[in-house]
Amino acid sequence: MPLTLSLTEANRILSDQFAPWIVDLGLTVEDLDERRAVLRLPWSDRLARDGGGLSGQALMAAADTATVIAVSAARGAYGPMTTVQQSTSFQRVLRDTDVLVSAAVNKLGRRMAFADVTMTADGSDTPSATASTLYALLD
């Protein structure tokens, strides 16, 4: 049975394992269980594009990052992994709101992990974007 990953350990993964520009997004792990991680992407005008909506690049980076945390939770600890594929669909514009990014591991194998990600405006139940991700586990 895998070790249980704590919120403190999950937030440490964010600060220790990611590139500085990902750290600059200000992501925090808000909730965690054995197969799911919920991260908060705080609103920043720096992440907005023309028209004031949150950029797709920021959402895709947040989805990618949330998947790493969810896979780490499913494995009980962080281990090297790399994105193989990410498919993102955008349903509605996000403006002036934090985003909750929920990644759920739906299959964890010895060498591959699959997850689905839902991104919603804080306080909403309606997804603004979704992603499917596939990761190669490198150890």
Protein backbone atom coordinates (compact mmCIF):
# COMPACT_ATOMS: atom_id res chain seq x y z
CA MET A 1 0.00 0.00 0.00
CA PRO A 2 1.46 3.42 -0.91
CA LEU A 3 2.39 5.95 1.71
CA THR A 4 -0.05 8.78 2.30
CA LEU A 5 1.05 12.14 0.91
CA SER A 6 0.23 15.11 3.15
CA LEU A 7 -0.81 18.59 2.01
CA THR A 8 2.50 19.92 3.34
CA GLU A 9 4.46 17.37 1.32
CA ALA A 10 2.36 18.06 -1.78
CA ASN A 11 2.99 21.81 -1.51
CA ARG A 12 6.70 21.08 -1.02
CA ILE A 13 6.66 19.18 -4.34
CA LEU A 14 5.32 22.36 -5.96
CA SER A 15 8.19 24.45 -4.62
CA ASP A 16 10.97 21.87 -5.04
CA GLN A 17 10.24 19.99 -8.28
CA PHE A 18 8.92 22.59 -10.72
CA ALA A 19 10.53 25.27 -12.86
CA PRO A 20 10.55 28.79 -11.39
CA TRP A 21 7.94 30.03 -13.87
CA ILE A 22 5.51 27.34 -12.64
CA VAL A 23 6.23 28.35 -9.04
CA ASP A 24 5.49 31.95 -10.09
CA LEU A 25 1.91 30.91 -10.96
CA GLY A 26 1.25 30.78 -7.19
CA LEU A 27 -0.42 27.36 -7.24
CA THR A 28 -1.29 25.78 -3.89
CA VAL A 29 -2.60 22.33 -3.07
CA GLU A 30 -5.99 22.76 -1.37
CA ASP A 31 -7.20 19.16 -1.13
CA LEU A 32 -5.67 15.75 -1.61
CA ASP A 33 -6.57 12.09 -1.35
CA GLU A 34 -5.17 8.82 -2.67
CA ARG A 35 -6.05 9.52 -6.34
CA ARG A 36 -6.96 13.20 -6.56
CA ALA A 37 -5.43 16.62 -6.04
CA VAL A 38 -7.15 20.00 -6.07
CA LEU A 39 -4.92 23.00 -6.70
CA ARG A 40 -5.82 26.69 -6.58
CA LEU A 41 -4.56 28.92 -9.38
CA PRO A 42 -4.92 32.47 -8.03
CA TRP A 43 -6.18 35.15 -10.39
CA SER A 44 -3.46 37.44 -11.71
CA ASP A 45 -3.72 40.14 -14.35
CA ARG A 46 -0.30 38.92 -15.52
CA LEU A 47 -1.96 35.67 -16.68
CA ALA A 48 -4.74 37.39 -18.63
CA ARG A 49 -4.71 37.74 -22.39
CA ASP A 50 -6.37 40.29 -24.68
CA GLY A 51 -9.95 40.71 -23.53
CA GLY A 52 -9.13 39.98 -19.88
CA GLY A 53 -9.61 36.21 -19.87
CA LEU A 54 -7.17 33.84 -18.21
CA SER A 55 -4.74 32.51 -20.82
CA GLY A 56 -5.03 28.94 -22.02
CA GLN A 57 -1.30 28.47 -21.45
CA ALA A 58 -1.71 29.19 -17.73
CA LEU A 59 -4.62 26.74 -17.49
CA MET A 60 -2.70 24.04 -19.35
CA ALA A 61 0.32 24.49 -17.09
CA ALA A 62 -1.92 24.31 -14.01
CA ALA A 63 -3.58 21.11 -15.31
CA ASP A 64 -0.17 19.56 -15.99
CA THR A 65 1.05 20.50 -12.52
CA ALA A 66 -2.09 19.22 -10.79
CA THR A 67 -1.63 15.88 -12.54
CA VAL A 68 1.90 15.54 -11.17
CA ILE A 69 0.57 16.12 -7.65
CA ALA A 70 -2.32 13.65 -8.13
CA VAL A 71 0.03 10.97 -9.51
CA SER A 72 2.41 11.60 -6.60
CA ALA A 73 -0.52 11.15 -4.19
CA ALA A 74 -1.52 7.91 -5.92
CA ARG A 75 2.06 6.64 -5.66
CA GLY A 76 2.48 7.88 -2.08
CA ALA A 77 5.47 10.07 -2.94
CA TYR A 78 6.94 12.15 -5.74
CA GLY A 79 8.93 10.30 -8.37
CA PRO A 80 10.28 11.40 -11.74
CA MET A 81 7.63 11.49 -14.47
CA THR A 82 7.05 13.27 -17.74
CA THR A 83 4.04 14.36 -19.72
CA VAL A 84 3.38 12.15 -22.73
CA GLN A 85 0.11 13.73 -23.82
CA GLN A 86 -2.30 16.41 -22.70
CA SER A 87 -5.53 17.27 -24.46
CA THR A 88 -7.31 20.36 -23.17
CA SER A 89 -10.77 21.68 -24.01
CA PHE A 90 -11.85 25.20 -23.08
CA GLN A 91 -15.58 25.76 -22.49
CA ARG A 92 -15.85 29.26 -21.00
CA VAL A 93 -13.69 32.28 -20.29
CA LEU A 94 -12.36 32.82 -16.78
CA ARG A 95 -12.11 36.44 -15.63
CA ASP A 96 -11.18 37.94 -12.26
CA THR A 97 -11.47 34.65 -10.36
CA ASP A 98 -9.26 32.00 -8.86
CA VAL A 99 -9.45 28.63 -10.58
CA LEU A 100 -9.76 25.27 -8.84
CA VAL A 101 -7.88 22.61 -10.77
CA SER A 102 -8.95 19.07 -9.84
CA ALA A 103 -6.86 16.19 -11.20
CA ALA A 104 -8.05 12.61 -10.69
CA VAL A 105 -5.90 9.59 -11.54
CA ASN A 106 -8.10 7.03 -13.26
CA LYS A 107 -5.38 4.47 -14.07
CA LEU A 108 -2.01 4.01 -12.44
CA GLY A 109 0.26 1.38 -13.92
CA ARG A 110 3.91 0.52 -13.37
CA ARG A 111 5.10 2.79 -16.20
CA MET A 112 2.12 4.97 -17.15
CA ALA A 113 -0.51 7.07 -15.39
CA PHE A 114 -3.75 8.48 -16.82
CA ALA A 115 -5.70 11.36 -15.28
CA ASP A 116 -8.63 13.64 -15.99
CA VAL A 117 -8.55 17.30 -14.95
CA THR A 118 -11.44 19.69 -14.39
CA MET A 119 -10.89 23.45 -14.05
CA THR A 120 -13.65 25.57 -12.52
CA ALA A 121 -14.01 29.14 -11.36
CA ASP A 122 -13.86 29.34 -7.57
CA GLY A 123 -17.43 28.95 -6.28
CA SER A 124 -18.78 27.37 -9.48
CA ASP A 125 -19.68 23.77 -10.24
CA THR A 126 -19.58 24.32 -14.00
CA PRO A 127 -16.28 23.39 -15.67
CA SER A 128 -14.50 26.14 -17.58
CA ALA A 129 -11.94 23.72 -19.03
CA THR A 130 -11.12 20.03 -18.93
CA ALA A 131 -8.03 18.03 -19.78
CA SER A 132 -7.01 14.41 -20.24
CA THR A 133 -3.41 13.64 -19.40
CA LEU A 134 -1.01 10.75 -19.87
CA TYR A 135 2.30 10.48 -18.02
CA ALA A 136 5.29 8.19 -18.25
CA LEU A 137 6.64 7.15 -14.84
CA LEU A 138 10.42 7.22 -14.98
CA ASP A 139 11.38 5.20 -11.91
